[in-house]
Every structure is written in structure tokens, then in C-alpha cells.
Protein backbone atom coordinates (compact mmCIF):
# COMPACT_ATOMS: atom_id res chain seq x y z
CA MET A 1 -32.28 -36.34 19.97
CA ALA A 2 -30.07 -37.37 17.06
CA PHE A 3 -29.72 -35.58 13.97
CA ILE A 4 -31.35 -37.01 10.34
CA PHE A 5 -28.77 -35.44 7.63
CA ARG A 6 -30.22 -36.10 4.26
CA PRO A 7 -27.85 -36.13 1.40
CA HIS A 8 -29.08 -33.16 -0.49
CA ILE A 9 -29.00 -30.93 2.35
CA LEU A 10 -25.40 -31.86 3.72
CA ASP A 11 -24.05 -31.21 -0.54
CA LYS A 12 -25.57 -27.59 -0.37
CA ILE A 13 -24.39 -26.71 2.99
CA TRP A 14 -20.77 -27.84 1.60
CA GLN A 15 -21.58 -26.90 -1.76
CA LYS A 16 -22.98 -23.05 -0.55
CA HIS A 17 -21.37 -22.56 2.74
CA GLN A 18 -18.25 -25.33 3.33
CA VAL A 19 -20.19 -26.77 6.83
CA ILE A 20 -20.01 -30.30 7.39
CA GLU A 21 -21.74 -32.47 9.59
CA ASP A 22 -19.77 -32.78 12.32
CA GLU A 23 -19.45 -28.79 12.52
CA VAL A 24 -23.44 -29.09 12.74
CA GLU A 25 -23.48 -31.83 16.00
CA GLU A 26 -20.17 -29.60 17.46
CA VAL A 27 -22.69 -26.51 17.39
CA TYR A 28 -25.66 -28.65 18.85
CA SER A 29 -23.06 -29.88 21.46
CA ASP A 30 -21.90 -25.98 22.47
CA PRO A 31 -22.82 -25.27 25.93
CA ASP A 32 -22.84 -21.92 24.88
CA ARG A 33 -25.18 -22.15 22.07
CA ILE A 34 -27.84 -19.47 21.90
CA THR A 35 -31.33 -21.60 21.07
CA GLU A 36 -34.65 -20.14 19.26
CA ARG A 37 -37.31 -21.56 18.28
CA THR A 38 -39.06 -19.98 15.26
CA GLY A 39 -41.52 -20.14 12.88
CA GLY A 40 -40.31 -21.61 9.96
CA ALA A 41 -41.74 -20.60 6.27
CA ARG A 42 -44.41 -22.28 7.06
CA GLY A 43 -45.25 -21.06 10.79
CA ASN A 44 -44.03 -24.97 11.83
CA ASN A 45 -43.43 -23.84 15.90
CA ARG A 46 -41.03 -26.91 15.62
CA ARG A 47 -38.66 -25.18 13.68
CA TYR A 48 -35.63 -24.08 15.60
CA LEU A 49 -32.16 -22.01 15.07
CA GLU A 50 -28.92 -22.30 16.81
CA ILE A 51 -25.72 -20.29 16.75
CA GLY A 52 -22.92 -21.78 18.35
CA GLU A 53 -18.93 -22.47 17.98
CA THR A 54 -17.60 -25.50 16.17
CA LYS A 55 -14.17 -26.98 17.72
CA GLY A 56 -12.34 -25.51 14.91
CA GLY A 57 -13.83 -21.91 16.31
CA ARG A 58 -16.14 -21.62 13.56
CA ILE A 59 -19.47 -19.72 14.83
CA LEU A 60 -22.51 -20.71 12.80
CA ARG A 61 -25.56 -20.81 12.21
CA ILE A 62 -28.16 -24.12 12.09
CA VAL A 63 -31.65 -24.57 11.35
CA TYR A 64 -33.31 -27.42 12.24
CA GLU A 65 -37.02 -29.37 12.87
CA ALA A 66 -37.75 -31.17 15.86
CA GLU A 67 -39.81 -34.42 14.95
CA TYR A 68 -40.87 -36.57 17.85
CA ASN A 69 -42.30 -40.17 17.44
CA ASP A 70 -43.93 -40.88 20.54
CA GLY A 71 -43.60 -38.33 22.85
CA SER A 72 -40.25 -39.53 24.26
CA GLN A 73 -37.62 -40.08 21.10
CA GLY A 74 -37.50 -37.49 18.64
CA SER A 75 -35.08 -36.26 15.52
CA LEU A 76 -33.60 -33.30 14.58
CA ILE A 77 -33.73 -32.71 10.78
CA LEU A 78 -31.47 -30.19 9.56
CA ILE A 79 -32.37 -27.53 7.08
CA THR A 80 -29.65 -25.42 6.39
CA ALA A 81 -26.75 -24.45 8.09
CA PHE A 82 -24.06 -21.61 7.61
CA GLU A 83 -21.72 -18.69 8.55
CA ALA A 84 -23.47 -16.70 11.84
CA PRO A 85 -23.78 -13.36 10.26
CA GLU A 86 -21.70 -10.98 12.36
CA ALA A 87 -24.50 -9.87 14.19
CA ASP A 88 -25.15 -12.98 15.68
CA ARG A 89 -21.31 -13.72 16.09
CA LYS A 90 -21.50 -10.92 18.64
CA ARG A 91 -24.51 -12.25 20.35
CA TYR A 92 -23.08 -15.12 20.96
CA ARG A 93 -19.16 -13.72 22.15
CA ARG A 94 -20.96 -11.24 24.48
CA LYS A 95 -22.97 -14.67 26.22
CA VAL A 96 -19.93 -16.74 26.22
CA ARG A 97 -17.82 -13.50 28.46
CA GLY A 98 -21.10 -13.15 30.55
CA ARG A 99 -20.95 -16.72 31.89
């Protein structure tokens, strides 16, 4: 599945959080990432959050929605991305140490 990056979202995550598109993809590709399904603001059960590390060592939280086209292909629509809160960073580090 591939990310769909809407320009206004990329602008927002850069302006507010200094996160770039490549970092989002790095978190999603992190084999140690933590994935959770979340209901989202409207109870959307296709919304996920990921906590993972970039190649530069930043631990980020990304939130996206999964959209499925014909059941075999789909897209990930980025909602937001930002520096993970301390509790998430600790949880991620514990997971990495425990592997």
C-alpha cells in the first residue's frame, strides 16, 4: 500500500512539527514500529497510528486512514505526523530492547 500525501497535510506537518514526507515513510517501514487501530474522530475503524523511528533517529507518531479499492489494493491517507510523546518513545524503546 502506498501513501497519499495531500499538499495541505504536508504543509501542516512541516509548519507545526517539522516532519517531512520521507520521515513518514521511514516510520511506516520501521520493522520495530508499533501499530494500533484507532477509531478516529468519527469512529472510523480504518484509522491507524504508528510509532516508529526515522533514519535520523526521531521517534514519530503518524496517523493515517487505510482506503481499500477492490479488496487487493489500497492507499494510506496521511492525517498527521509529529514527534511522539515521551510515553510513546518509552514504549517504543522497550519494544526495541525486548526483541
